PDB file of N, CA and C in Angstrom:
ATOM      1  N   MET A   1     139.851 212.798 189.193  1.00  0.00           N
ATOM      2  CA  MET A   1     140.230 213.898 190.057  1.00  0.00           C
ATOM      3  C   MET A   1     141.457 214.902 189.551  1.00  0.00           C
ATOM      4  N   LEU A   2     142.654 214.165 188.652  1.00  0.00           N
ATOM      5  CA  LEU A   2     142.876 215.186 187.553  1.00  0.00           C
ATOM      6  C   LEU A   2     142.645 216.199 187.023  1.00  0.00           C
ATOM      7  N   ALA A   3     141.537 215.429 186.484  1.00  0.00           N
ATOM      8  CA  ALA A   3     141.070 216.079 185.445  1.00  0.00           C
ATOM      9  C   ALA A   3     139.965 217.460 186.265  1.00  0.00           C
ATOM     10  N   LEU A   4     139.773 217.239 187.517  1.00  0.00           N
ATOM     11  CA  LEU A   4     138.753 218.202 187.775  1.00  0.00           C
ATOM     12  C   LEU A   4     139.642 219.550 188.210  1.00  0.00           C
ATOM     13  N   THR A   5     141.090 219.048 188.839  1.00  0.00           N
ATOM     14  CA  THR A   5     141.705 220.226 188.950  1.00  0.00           C
ATOM     15  C   THR A   5     142.206 220.995 187.641  1.00  0.00           C
ATOM     16  N   GLY A   6     142.714 220.212 186.792  1.00  0.00           N
ATOM     17  CA  GLY A   6     142.948 220.855 185.290  1.00  0.00           C
ATOM     18  C   GLY A   6     141.571 222.113 185.155  1.00  0.00           C
ATOM     19  N   VAL A   7     140.211 221.514 185.535  1.00  0.00           N
ATOM     20  CA  VAL A   7     139.471 222.299 185.026  1.00  0.00           C
ATOM     21  C   VAL A   7     139.073 223.654 185.887  1.00  0.00           C
ATOM     22  N   GLY A   8     139.873 223.285 186.921  1.00  0.00           N
ATOM     23  CA  GLY A   8     139.827 224.361 188.189  1.00  0.00           C
ATOM     24  C   GLY A   8     140.700 225.554 187.710  1.00  0.00           C
ATOM     25  N   GLY A   9     141.913 224.758 187.569  1.00  0.00           N
ATOM     26  CA  GLY A   9     143.287 225.773 187.116  1.00  0.00           C
ATOM     27  C   GLY A   9     142.874 226.464 185.564  1.00  0.00           C
ATOM     28  N   ILE A  10     142.201 225.807 184.639  1.00  0.00           N
ATOM     29  CA  ILE A  10     141.715 227.205 183.487  1.00  0.00           C
ATOM     30  C   ILE A  10     140.659 228.074 183.877  1.00  0.00           C
ATOM     31  N   ALA A  11     140.022 227.685 185.062  1.00  0.00           N
ATOM     32  CA  ALA A  11     139.012 228.717 185.683  1.00  0.00           C
ATOM     33  C   ALA A  11     139.945 229.652 186.155  1.00  0.00           C
ATOM     34  N   GLN A  12     140.847 229.532 186.820  1.00  0.00           N
ATOM     35  CA  GLN A  12     141.482 230.540 188.054  1.00  0.00           C
ATOM     36  C   GLN A  12     142.268 231.086 186.826  1.00  0.00           C
ATOM     37  N   ALA A  13     142.864 230.637 185.826  1.00  0.00           N
ATOM     38  CA  ALA A  13     143.606 231.662 184.712  1.00  0.00           C
ATOM     39  C   ALA A  13     143.053 232.173 184.165  1.00  0.00           C
ATOM     40  N   GLN A  14     141.532 231.909 183.911  1.00  0.00           N
ATOM     41  CA  GLN A  14     140.896 233.174 183.248  1.00  0.00           C
ATOM     42  C   GLN A  14     140.350 234.062 184.302  1.00  0.00           C
ATOM     43  N   ASP A  15     139.936 233.630 185.349  1.00  0.00           N
ATOM     44  CA  ASP A  15     139.835 234.851 186.402  1.00  0.00           C
ATOM     45  C   ASP A  15     140.974 235.803 186.801  1.00  0.00           C
ATOM     46  N   ALA A  16     142.308 234.824 186.607  1.00  0.00           N
ATOM     47  CA  ALA A  16     143.214 235.735 186.964  1.00  0.00           C
ATOM     48  C   ALA A  16     143.760 236.860 185.965  1.00  0.00           C
ATOM     49  N   ASP A  17     143.051 237.068 184.360  1.00  0.00           N
ATOM     50  CA  ASP A  17     143.596 237.542 183.719  1.00  0.00           C
ATOM     51  C   ASP A  17     142.549 238.710 183.317  1.00  0.00           C
ATOM     52  N   PRO A  18     143.130 239.765 183.985  1.00  0.00           N
ATOM     53  CA  PRO A  18     142.259 241.307 184.035  1.00  0.00           C
ATOM     54  C   PRO A  18     142.450 241.602 182.828  1.00  0.00           C
ATOM     55  N   ASN A  19     142.713 241.200 181.833  1.00  0.00           N
ATOM     56  CA  ASN A  19     142.676 241.617 180.590  1.00  0.00           C
ATOM     57  C   ASN A  19     141.984 240.748 179.754  1.00  0.00           C
ATOM     58  N   LEU A  20     141.138 239.781 180.384  1.00  0.00           N
ATOM     59  CA  LEU A  20     140.438 238.301 179.117  1.00  0.00           C
ATOM     60  C   LEU A  20     139.092 239.412 178.854  1.00  0.00           C
ATOM     61  N   ALA A  21     138.434 239.860 179.173  1.00  0.00           N
ATOM     62  CA  ALA A  21     136.999 240.888 178.748  1.00  0.00           C
ATOM     63  C   ALA A  21     137.576 241.773 177.319  1.00  0.00           C
ATOM     64  N   ARG A  22     138.696 242.716 177.822  1.00  0.00           N
ATOM     65  CA  ARG A  22     139.237 243.636 176.458  1.00  0.00           C
ATOM     66  C   ARG A  22     139.866 242.756 175.685  1.00  0.00           C
ATOM     67  N   ASN A  23     140.294 241.851 175.886  1.00  0.00           N
ATOM     68  CA  ASN A  23     141.028 240.817 174.944  1.00  0.00           C
ATOM     69  C   ASN A  23     139.707 240.143 174.319  1.00  0.00           C
ATOM     70  N   LEU A  24     138.895 239.562 174.583  1.00  0.00           N
ATOM     71  CA  LEU A  24     137.576 239.133 173.924  1.00  0.00           C
ATOM     72  C   LEU A  24     137.250 239.975 172.924  1.00  0.00           C
ATOM     73  N   ALA A  25     136.948 241.372 173.623  1.00  0.00           N
ATOM     74  CA  ALA A  25     136.042 242.152 172.876  1.00  0.00           C
ATOM     75  C   ALA A  25     136.852 242.850 171.861  1.00  0.00           C
ATOM     76  N   ALA A  26     137.850 242.366 171.819  1.00  0.00           N
ATOM     77  CA  ALA A  26     138.912 243.075 170.514  1.00  0.00           C
ATOM     78  C   ALA A  26     139.030 242.756 169.162  1.00  0.00           C
ATOM     79  N   THR A  27     138.165 241.559 169.501  1.00  0.00           N
ATOM     80  CA  THR A  27     137.518 240.650 168.335  1.00  0.00           C
ATOM     81  C   THR A  27     136.761 241.404 167.210  1.00  0.00           C
ATOM     82  N   CYS A  28     135.740 242.226 168.452  1.00  0.00           N
ATOM     83  CA  CYS A  28     134.761 243.009 167.451  1.00  0.00           C
ATOM     84  C   CYS A  28     135.474 244.033 167.010  1.00  0.00           C
ATOM     85  N   ALA A  29     136.300 244.586 167.056  1.00  0.00           N
ATOM     86  CA  ALA A  29     136.982 245.922 166.721  1.00  0.00           C
ATOM     87  C   ALA A  29     136.898 245.936 164.909  1.00  0.00           C
ATOM     88  N   THR A  30     136.960 245.250 164.225  1.00  0.00           N
ATOM     89  CA  THR A  30     136.931 245.244 162.892  1.00  0.00           C
ATOM     90  C   THR A  30     135.947 245.787 162.310  1.00  0.00           C
ATOM     91  N   CYS A  31     134.564 245.412 162.840  1.00  0.00           N
ATOM     92  CA  CYS A  31     133.403 245.647 162.179  1.00  0.00           C
ATOM     93  C   CYS A  31     132.693 246.949 163.551  1.00  0.00           C
ATOM     94  N   HIS A  32     133.212 247.184 164.503  1.00  0.00           N
ATOM     95  CA  HIS A  32     132.064 247.636 165.472  1.00  0.00           C
ATOM     96  C   HIS A  32     133.543 248.894 166.114  1.00  0.00           C
ATOM     97  N   GLY A  33     134.369 248.999 165.432  1.00  0.00           N
ATOM     98  CA  GLY A  33     135.509 249.954 166.092  1.00  0.00           C
ATOM     99  C   GLY A  33     136.386 249.512 167.185  1.00  0.00           C
ATOM    100  N   THR A  34     137.216 250.317 167.714  1.00  0.00           N
ATOM    101  CA  THR A  34     138.142 250.429 168.535  1.00  0.00           C
ATOM    102  C   THR A  34     137.549 250.647 169.866  1.00  0.00           C
ATOM    103  N   ASN A  35     137.605 250.073 170.737  1.00  0.00           N
ATOM    104  CA  ASN A  35     136.676 249.663 172.008  1.00  0.00           C
ATOM    105  C   ASN A  35     135.482 250.124 171.949  1.00  0.00           C
ATOM    106  N   GLY A  36     134.663 250.167 170.700  1.00  0.00           N
ATOM    107  CA  GLY A  36     132.951 249.849 170.470  1.00  0.00           C
ATOM    108  C   GLY A  36     132.594 251.251 169.757  1.00  0.00           C
ATOM    109  N   HIS A  37     133.683 252.160 169.421  1.00  0.00           N
ATOM    110  CA  HIS A  37     133.365 253.176 168.633  1.00  0.00           C
ATOM    111  C   HIS A  37     133.264 253.112 167.502  1.00  0.00           C
ATOM    112  N   SER A  38     132.073 252.483 166.866  1.00  0.00           N
ATOM    113  CA  SER A  38     131.727 252.527 164.929  1.00  0.00           C
ATOM    114  C   SER A  38     132.319 253.664 164.209  1.00  0.00           C
ATOM    115  N   GLN A  39     133.395 253.201 163.461  1.00  0.00           N
ATOM    116  CA  GLN A  39     133.480 254.671 162.381  1.00  0.00           C
ATOM    117  C   GLN A  39     132.851 253.959 161.160  1.00  0.00           C
ATOM    118  N   LYS A  40     132.231 252.900 160.767  1.00  0.00           N
ATOM    119  CA  LYS A  40     131.692 252.457 159.600  1.00  0.00           C
ATOM    120  C   LYS A  40     130.475 252.209 159.828  1.00  0.00           C
ATOM    121  N   GLY A  41     129.248 253.096 160.453  1.00  0.00           N
ATOM    122  CA  GLY A  41     128.184 252.777 160.066  1.00  0.00           C
ATOM    123  C   GLY A  41     127.691 251.601 161.001  1.00  0.00           C
ATOM    124  N   MET A  42     128.236 250.599 161.557  1.00  0.00           N
ATOM    125  CA  MET A  42     127.979 249.513 162.056  1.00  0.00           C
ATOM    126  C   MET A  42     127.418 250.223 163.492  1.00  0.00           C
ATOM    127  N   ASP A  43     126.594 249.580 163.972  1.00  0.00           N
ATOM    128  CA  ASP A  43     126.007 249.683 165.821  1.00  0.00           C
ATOM    129  C   ASP A  43     127.612 249.721 166.383  1.00  0.00           C
ATOM    130  N   SER A  44     127.163 250.857 166.987  1.00  0.00           N
ATOM    131  CA  SER A  44     128.377 251.318 168.384  1.00  0.00           C
ATOM    132  C   SER A  44     128.152 250.157 169.270  1.00  0.00           C
ATOM    133  N   LEU A  45     129.182 249.962 170.121  1.00  0.00           N
ATOM    134  CA  LEU A  45     128.619 248.854 171.061  1.00  0.00           C
ATOM    135  C   LEU A  45     129.168 249.477 172.833  1.00  0.00           C
ATOM    136  N   ALA A  46     130.114 250.536 172.895  1.00  0.00           N
ATOM    137  CA  ALA A  46     130.248 251.434 173.627  1.00  0.00           C
ATOM    138  C   ALA A  46     129.413 251.913 174.358  1.00  0.00           C
ATOM    139  N   GLY A  47     129.205 251.719 175.344  1.00  0.00           N
ATOM    140  CA  GLY A  47     128.218 252.139 176.342  1.00  0.00           C
ATOM    141  C   GLY A  47     126.941 251.380 176.331  1.00  0.00           C
ATOM    142  N   GLU A  48     126.773 250.889 175.430  1.00  0.00           N
ATOM    143  CA  GLU A  48     125.341 250.023 175.633  1.00  0.00           C
ATOM    144  C   GLU A  48     125.052 249.358 176.658  1.00  0.00           C
ATOM    145  N   PRO A  49     124.254 249.211 177.195  1.00  0.00           N
ATOM    146  CA  PRO A  49     124.032 248.340 178.810  1.00  0.00           C
ATOM    147  C   PRO A  49     123.935 246.941 178.187  1.00  0.00           C
ATOM    148  N   ALA A  50     124.894 246.394 179.026  1.00  0.00           N
ATOM    149  CA  ALA A  50     125.130 244.977 178.944  1.00  0.00           C
ATOM    150  C   ALA A  50     123.899 244.046 178.550  1.00  0.00           C
ATOM    151  N   GLU A  51     122.463 244.026 179.222  1.00  0.00           N
ATOM    152  CA  GLU A  51     121.270 243.350 179.184  1.00  0.00           C
ATOM    153  C   GLU A  51     121.127 243.407 177.761  1.00  0.00           C
ATOM    154  N   LYS A  52     121.280 244.393 177.207  1.00  0.00           N
ATOM    155  CA  LYS A  52     120.644 245.112 175.849  1.00  0.00           C
ATOM    156  C   LYS A  52     121.673 244.044 174.775  1.00  0.00           C
ATOM    157  N   LEU A  53     123.066 244.318 175.075  1.00  0.00           N
ATOM    158  CA  LEU A  53     123.779 243.285 174.321  1.00  0.00           C
ATOM    159  C   LEU A  53     123.662 241.857 174.461  1.00  0.00           C
ATOM    160  N   MET A  54     123.430 241.431 175.334  1.00  0.00           N
ATOM    161  CA  MET A  54     123.545 240.162 175.547  1.00  0.00           C
ATOM    162  C   MET A  54     122.059 239.471 175.099  1.00  0.00           C
ATOM    163  N   GLU A  55     120.878 240.503 174.818  1.00  0.00           N
ATOM    164  CA  GLU A  55     119.434 240.101 174.256  1.00  0.00           C
ATOM    165  C   GLU A  55     120.104 240.101 172.488  1.00  0.00           C
ATOM    166  N   LYS A  56     120.808 241.041 172.263  1.00  0.00           N
ATOM    167  CA  LYS A  56     120.967 240.928 170.863  1.00  0.00           C
ATOM    168  C   LYS A  56     121.953 239.650 170.163  1.00  0.00           C
ATOM    169  N   LEU A  57     122.837 239.367 171.291  1.00  0.00           N
ATOM    170  CA  LEU A  57     123.938 238.547 170.507  1.00  0.00           C
ATOM    171  C   LEU A  57     122.796 237.235 171.210  1.00  0.00           C
ATOM    172  N   ALA A  58     122.163 236.910 172.192  1.00  0.00           N
ATOM    173  CA  ALA A  58     120.916 235.549 171.936  1.00  0.00           C
ATOM    174  C   ALA A  58     120.364 235.800 170.870  1.00  0.00           C
ATOM    175  N   ASP A  59     119.682 236.983 170.134  1.00  0.00           N
ATOM    176  CA  ASP A  59     118.974 236.699 168.956  1.00  0.00           C
ATOM    177  C   ASP A  59     119.628 236.463 167.431  1.00  0.00           C
ATOM    178  N   PHE A  60     120.945 236.530 167.604  1.00  0.00           N
ATOM    179  CA  PHE A  60     121.671 236.433 166.679  1.00  0.00           C
ATOM    180  C   PHE A  60     122.083 234.649 166.780  1.00  0.00           C
ATOM    181  N   ARG A  61     122.423 234.290 167.899  1.00  0.00           N
ATOM    182  CA  ARG A  61     122.656 233.180 168.232  1.00  0.00           C
ATOM    183  C   ARG A  61     121.208 232.100 167.919  1.00  0.00           C
ATOM    184  N   SER A  62     119.949 232.531 168.287  1.00  0.00           N
ATOM    185  CA  SER A  62     118.689 231.474 167.773  1.00  0.00           C
ATOM    186  C   SER A  62     118.787 232.055 166.555  1.00  0.00           C
ATOM    187  N   GLY A  63     119.116 233.068 165.725  1.00  0.00           N
ATOM    188  CA  GLY A  63     118.698 233.300 164.446  1.00  0.00           C
ATOM    189  C   GLY A  63     117.389 233.886 164.192  1.00  0.00           C
ATOM    190  N   ASP A  64     116.868 234.791 165.310  1.00  0.00           N
ATOM    191  CA  ASP A  64     116.164 235.442 165.330  1.00  0.00           C
ATOM    192  C   ASP A  64     116.336 237.217 164.926  1.00  0.00           C
ATOM    193  N   LYS A  65     117.462 237.247 164.763  1.00  0.00           N
ATOM    194  CA  LYS A  65     118.027 238.792 164.374  1.00  0.00           C
ATOM    195  C   LYS A  65     118.780 238.277 163.273  1.00  0.00           C
ATOM    196  N   PRO A  66     118.263 239.108 161.978  1.00  0.00           N
ATOM    197  CA  PRO A  66     118.994 238.828 160.480  1.00  0.00           C
ATOM    198  C   PRO A  66     120.246 239.292 160.900  1.00  0.00           C
ATOM    199  N   ALA A  67     121.284 238.417 160.105  1.00  0.00           N
ATOM    200  CA  ALA A  67     122.650 239.001 160.172  1.00  0.00           C
ATOM    201  C   ALA A  67     123.483 238.399 159.157  1.00  0.00           C
ATOM    202  N   THR A  68     124.696 238.893 158.759  1.00  0.00           N
ATOM    203  CA  THR A  68     125.818 238.481 157.440  1.00  0.00           C
ATOM    204  C   THR A  68     126.335 237.705 158.126  1.00  0.00           C
ATOM    205  N   ILE A  69     126.915 237.669 159.260  1.00  0.00           N
ATOM    206  CA  ILE A  69     128.001 237.003 159.858  1.00  0.00           C
ATOM    207  C   ILE A  69     127.908 236.483 161.446  1.00  0.00           C
ATOM    208  N   MET A  70     127.334 237.668 161.956  1.00  0.00           N
ATOM    209  CA  MET A  70     126.792 237.303 163.324  1.00  0.00           C
ATOM    210  C   MET A  70     126.970 235.986 163.840  1.00  0.00           C
ATOM    211  N   HIS A  71     125.705 235.630 163.420  1.00  0.00           N
ATOM    212  CA  HIS A  71     124.808 234.411 164.045  1.00  0.00           C
ATOM    213  C   HIS A  71     126.006 233.227 163.741  1.00  0.00           C
ATOM    214  N   GLN A  72     126.868 233.440 163.028  1.00  0.00           N
ATOM    215  CA  GLN A  72     128.052 232.435 162.816  1.00  0.00           C
ATOM    216  C   GLN A  72     129.186 232.837 164.036  1.00  0.00           C
ATOM    217  N   ILE A  73     129.637 234.311 163.908  1.00  0.00           N
ATOM    218  CA  ILE A  73     130.771 234.446 165.175  1.00  0.00           C
ATOM    219  C   ILE A  73     129.957 234.372 166.724  1.00  0.00           C
ATOM    220  N   VAL A  74     128.727 234.784 166.840  1.00  0.00           N
ATOM    221  CA  VAL A  74     128.383 234.821 168.276  1.00  0.00           C
ATOM    222  C   VAL A  74     128.636 233.039 168.813  1.00  0.00           C
ATOM    223  N   LYS A  75     128.581 232.136 167.738  1.00  0.00           N
ATOM    224  CA  LYS A  75     128.142 230.324 168.281  1.00  0.00           C
ATOM    225  C   LYS A  75     129.904 230.363 168.730  1.00  0.00           C
ATOM    226  N   GLY A  76     130.760 231.026 168.439  1.00  0.00           N
ATOM    227  CA  GLY A  76     131.862 230.496 168.746  1.00  0.00           C
ATOM    228  C   GLY A  76     132.420 231.415 170.208  1.00  0.00           C
ATOM    229  N   TYR A  77     131.372 231.962 170.736  1.00  0.00           N
ATOM    230  CA  TYR A  77     131.821 232.274 172.196  1.00  0.00           C
ATOM    231  C   TYR A  77     131.064 231.169 173.269  1.00  0.00           C
ATOM    232  N   THR A  78     131.449 231.304 174.504  1.00  0.00           N
ATOM    233  CA  THR A  78     130.246 230.463 175.492  1.00  0.00           C
ATOM    234  C   THR A  78     129.765 231.804 176.067  1.00  0.00           C
ATOM    235  N   ASP A  79     128.554 231.398 176.973  1.00  0.00           N
ATOM    236  CA  ASP A  79     127.650 232.690 177.716  1.00  0.00           C
ATOM    237  C   ASP A  79     128.400 233.506 178.415  1.00  0.00           C
ATOM    238  N   GLU A  80     129.029 232.512 179.216  1.00  0.00           N
ATOM    239  CA  GLU A  80     130.464 233.618 179.569  1.00  0.00           C
ATOM    240  C   GLU A  80     131.220 234.474 179.433  1.00  0.00           C
ATOM    241  N   GLN A  81     131.962 234.007 178.204  1.00  0.00           N
ATOM    242  CA  GLN A  81     132.492 234.800 177.624  1.00  0.00           C
ATOM    243  C   GLN A  81     131.499 235.883 176.637  1.00  0.00           C
ATOM    244  N   LEU A  82     130.442 235.859 176.248  1.00  0.00           N
ATOM    245  CA  LEU A  82     129.798 236.773 175.823  1.00  0.00           C
ATOM    246  C   LEU A  82     129.286 237.832 177.001  1.00  0.00           C
ATOM    247  N   SER A  83     129.242 237.297 177.760  1.00  0.00           N
ATOM    248  CA  SER A  83     128.945 237.964 178.986  1.00  0.00           C
ATOM    249  C   SER A  83     130.138 238.943 179.344  1.00  0.00           C
ATOM    250  N   LEU A  84     131.087 238.891 179.773  1.00  0.00           N
ATOM    251  CA  LEU A  84     132.141 239.536 179.876  1.00  0.00           C
ATOM    252  C   LEU A  84     132.582 240.414 178.547  1.00  0.00           C
ATOM    253  N   ILE A  85     132.061 240.035 177.669  1.00  0.00           N
ATOM    254  CA  ILE A  85     132.383 241.090 176.439  1.00  0.00           C
ATOM    255  C   ILE A  85     131.276 242.195 176.272  1.00  0.00           C
ATOM    256  N   SER A  86     130.083 241.856 176.800  1.00  0.00           N
ATOM    257  CA  SER A  86     128.705 242.851 177.311  1.00  0.00           C
ATOM    258  C   SER A  86     129.274 243.687 178.051  1.00  0.00           C
ATOM    259  N   ASP A  87     129.633 243.445 179.336  1.00  0.00           N
ATOM    260  CA  ASP A  87     130.164 243.904 180.417  1.00  0.00           C
ATOM    261  C   ASP A  87     131.220 244.950 180.079  1.00  0.00           C
ATOM    262  N   TRP A  88     132.079 244.219 179.548  1.00  0.00           N
ATOM    263  CA  TRP A  88     133.172 245.435 179.011  1.00  0.00           C
ATOM    264  C   TRP A  88     133.013 246.642 178.313  1.00  0.00           C
ATOM    265  N   PHE A  89     131.870 246.203 177.096  1.00  0.00           N
ATOM    266  CA  PHE A  89     131.501 247.128 176.211  1.00  0.00           C
ATOM    267  C   PHE A  89     130.675 248.242 176.878  1.00  0.00           C
ATOM    268  N   ALA A  90     129.469 247.681 177.781  1.00  0.00           N
ATOM    269  CA  ALA A  90     128.869 248.692 178.514  1.00  0.00           C
ATOM    270  C   ALA A  90     129.576 249.660 179.478  1.00  0.00           C
ATOM    271  N   ALA A  91     130.953 248.946 179.947  1.00  0.00           N
ATOM    272  CA  ALA A  91     131.785 249.867 180.720  1.00  0.00           C
ATOM    273  C   ALA A  91     132.338 251.264 179.670  1.00  0.00           C
ATOM    274  N   GLN A  92     132.440 251.069 178.635  1.00  0.00           N
ATOM    275  CA  GLN A  92     133.274 251.993 177.942  1.00  0.00           C
ATOM    276  C   GLN A  92     132.634 253.395 177.824  1.00  0.00           C
ATOM    277  N   LYS A  93     132.873 254.442 177.604  1.00  0.00           N
ATOM    278  CA  LYS A  93     132.357 255.684 177.588  1.00  0.00           C
ATOM    279  C   LYS A  93     131.906 256.333 175.863  1.00  0.00           C
TER     280      LYS A  93
END
């Protein structure tokens, strides 16, 4: 019973953090630019449809899309976190 309460508390803490998606997406800035606006020849993520981003991430995870590092990075996130990140980038102009 206690374990279930703890898990619910974690989920509530994540839901209560209004900056969670932004904070998760910030890890992408080194390659994809601040707020997803790439300056280095990498793909810009800002304004891309979330569904398209999720498809690319799934392809990196499965190995269907060639990558230098994304296939490793994407495996460090849950599907829910990737969805938050994709939605956040999709909302950027």
